[in-house]
Amino acid sequence: MEFSSVFAMLIIGALAGWFAGKLMEGRGFGIFGNIIVGIVGAFAAGLIFPALGFSVGGGFIASVFHATIGAVILLFLIGLIRKA
């Protein structure tokens, strides 16, 4: 993996974490925690969604959309674990 693709994943993950924090109010970890969750969600979405055949196209907007879905799912799961 090249540096530029890792850097792009970090930027997209940061945006996705911020969006996911806005969508999942009350389940977030603050701005920096949500950015970290977004980066992890972007990585997870990048691995899982293509394997499932889920795709909305290519480009920056589609990548942010995928990563946001991954971050929302991750925030939901972490919220379930925190409550248990």
C-alpha atoms as a PDB file:
ATOM      1  CA  MET A   1       0.000   0.000   0.000  1.00  0.00           C
ATOM      2  CA  GLU A   2       1.425   3.348  -0.975  1.00  0.00           C
ATOM      3  CA  PHE A   3       1.729   6.359   1.300  1.00  0.00           C
ATOM      4  CA  SER A   4      -0.764   8.354  -0.750  1.00  0.00           C
ATOM      5  CA  SER A   5      -3.441   5.673  -0.381  1.00  0.00           C
ATOM      6  CA  VAL A   6      -2.841   5.447   3.380  1.00  0.00           C
ATOM      7  CA  PHE A   7      -3.032   9.234   3.639  1.00  0.00           C
ATOM      8  CA  ALA A   8      -6.255   9.277   1.600  1.00  0.00           C
ATOM      9  CA  MET A   9      -7.740   6.566   3.848  1.00  0.00           C
ATOM     10  CA  LEU A  10      -6.890   8.660   6.915  1.00  0.00           C
ATOM     11  CA  ILE A  11      -8.529  11.778   5.452  1.00  0.00           C
ATOM     12  CA  ILE A  12     -11.611   9.874   4.316  1.00  0.00           C
ATOM     13  CA  GLY A  13     -11.827   8.099   7.668  1.00  0.00           C
ATOM     14  CA  ALA A  14     -11.587  11.388   9.544  1.00  0.00           C
ATOM     15  CA  LEU A  15     -14.445  12.851   7.499  1.00  0.00           C
ATOM     16  CA  ALA A  16     -16.484   9.676   7.911  1.00  0.00           C
ATOM     17  CA  GLY A  17     -15.921   9.672  11.674  1.00  0.00           C
ATOM     18  CA  TRP A  18     -17.097  13.245  11.924  1.00  0.00           C
ATOM     19  CA  PHE A  19     -20.209  12.467   9.839  1.00  0.00           C
ATOM     20  CA  ALA A  20     -20.904   9.316  11.860  1.00  0.00           C
ATOM     21  CA  GLY A  21     -20.614  11.291  15.087  1.00  0.00           C
ATOM     22  CA  LYS A  22     -23.203  13.743  13.785  1.00  0.00           C
ATOM     23  CA  LEU A  23     -25.527  10.936  12.663  1.00  0.00           C
ATOM     24  CA  MET A  24     -25.202   8.912  15.870  1.00  0.00           C
ATOM     25  CA  GLU A  25     -25.548  11.658  18.464  1.00  0.00           C
ATOM     26  CA  GLY A  26     -25.200  10.393  21.998  1.00  0.00           C
ATOM     27  CA  ARG A  27     -23.135   7.371  20.967  1.00  0.00           C
ATOM     28  CA  GLY A  28     -19.928   9.113  20.028  1.00  0.00           C
ATOM     29  CA  PHE A  29     -16.626   9.593  21.765  1.00  0.00           C
ATOM     30  CA  GLY A  30     -16.068  13.269  21.053  1.00  0.00           C
ATOM     31  CA  ILE A  31     -14.534  14.651  17.906  1.00  0.00           C
ATOM     32  CA  PHE A  32     -11.161  12.930  18.184  1.00  0.00           C
ATOM     33  CA  GLY A  33     -12.627   9.595  19.244  1.00  0.00           C
ATOM     34  CA  ASN A  34     -15.097   9.704  16.382  1.00  0.00           C
ATOM     35  CA  ILE A  35     -12.289  10.453  13.933  1.00  0.00           C
ATOM     36  CA  ILE A  36     -10.415   7.365  15.169  1.00  0.00           C
ATOM     37  CA  VAL A  37     -13.618   5.303  14.886  1.00  0.00           C
ATOM     38  CA  GLY A  38     -14.076   6.712  11.371  1.00  0.00           C
ATOM     39  CA  ILE A  39     -10.595   5.649  10.341  1.00  0.00           C
ATOM     40  CA  VAL A  40     -11.184   2.139  11.693  1.00  0.00           C
ATOM     41  CA  GLY A  41     -14.637   2.108  10.065  1.00  0.00           C
ATOM     42  CA  ALA A  42     -13.137   3.177   6.743  1.00  0.00           C
ATOM     43  CA  PHE A  43     -10.632   0.355   6.935  1.00  0.00           C
ATOM     44  CA  ALA A  44     -13.341  -2.164   7.859  1.00  0.00           C
ATOM     45  CA  ALA A  45     -15.659  -0.919   5.107  1.00  0.00           C
ATOM     46  CA  GLY A  46     -12.792  -1.128   2.610  1.00  0.00           C
ATOM     47  CA  LEU A  47     -12.345  -4.790   3.474  1.00  0.00           C
ATOM     48  CA  ILE A  48     -15.917  -5.949   4.025  1.00  0.00           C
ATOM     49  CA  PHE A  49     -18.071  -4.107   1.471  1.00  0.00           C
ATOM     50  CA  PRO A  50     -16.188  -5.215  -1.668  1.00  0.00           C
ATOM     51  CA  ALA A  51     -16.300  -8.812  -0.420  1.00  0.00           C
ATOM     52  CA  LEU A  52     -20.089  -8.517  -0.056  1.00  0.00           C
ATOM     53  CA  GLY A  53     -20.409  -6.946  -3.499  1.00  0.00           C
ATOM     54  CA  PHE A  54     -21.731  -3.659  -2.093  1.00  0.00           C
ATOM     55  CA  SER A  55     -20.619  -0.713  -4.190  1.00  0.00           C
ATOM     56  CA  VAL A  56     -21.943   2.755  -4.948  1.00  0.00           C
ATOM     57  CA  GLY A  57     -19.247   3.617  -7.456  1.00  0.00           C
ATOM     58  CA  GLY A  58     -15.805   5.093  -7.247  1.00  0.00           C
ATOM     59  CA  GLY A  59     -14.357   8.408  -6.278  1.00  0.00           C
ATOM     60  CA  PHE A  60     -14.030  10.533  -3.201  1.00  0.00           C
ATOM     61  CA  ILE A  61     -17.744  10.900  -2.374  1.00  0.00           C
ATOM     62  CA  ALA A  62     -18.394   7.155  -2.683  1.00  0.00           C
ATOM     63  CA  SER A  63     -15.393   6.434  -0.464  1.00  0.00           C
ATOM     64  CA  VAL A  64     -16.641   8.841   2.193  1.00  0.00           C
ATOM     65  CA  PHE A  65     -20.103   7.244   1.945  1.00  0.00           C
ATOM     66  CA  HIS A  66     -18.689   3.727   2.407  1.00  0.00           C
ATOM     67  CA  ALA A  67     -16.497   4.823   5.292  1.00  0.00           C
ATOM     68  CA  THR A  68     -19.385   6.637   6.971  1.00  0.00           C
ATOM     69  CA  ILE A  69     -21.530   3.515   6.814  1.00  0.00           C
ATOM     70  CA  GLY A  70     -18.665   1.516   8.307  1.00  0.00           C
ATOM     71  CA  ALA A  71     -18.139   4.096  11.057  1.00  0.00           C
ATOM     72  CA  VAL A  72     -21.872   4.219  11.909  1.00  0.00           C
ATOM     73  CA  ILE A  73     -21.967   0.433  12.189  1.00  0.00           C
ATOM     74  CA  LEU A  74     -18.843   0.488  14.344  1.00  0.00           C
ATOM     75  CA  LEU A  75     -20.252   3.222  16.605  1.00  0.00           C
ATOM     76  CA  PHE A  76     -23.470   1.224  16.957  1.00  0.00           C
ATOM     77  CA  LEU A  77     -21.583  -1.931  17.924  1.00  0.00           C
ATOM     78  CA  ILE A  78     -19.332  -0.092  20.369  1.00  0.00           C
ATOM     79  CA  GLY A  79     -22.434   1.523  21.894  1.00  0.00           C
ATOM     80  CA  LEU A  80     -23.973  -1.917  22.422  1.00  0.00           C
ATOM     81  CA  ILE A  81     -20.813  -3.199  24.055  1.00  0.00           C
ATOM     82  CA  ARG A  82     -20.507  -0.138  26.306  1.00  0.00           C
ATOM     83  CA  LYS A  83     -24.057  -0.591  27.588  1.00  0.00           C
ATOM     84  CA  ALA A  84     -23.539  -4.279  28.388  1.00  0.00           C
END
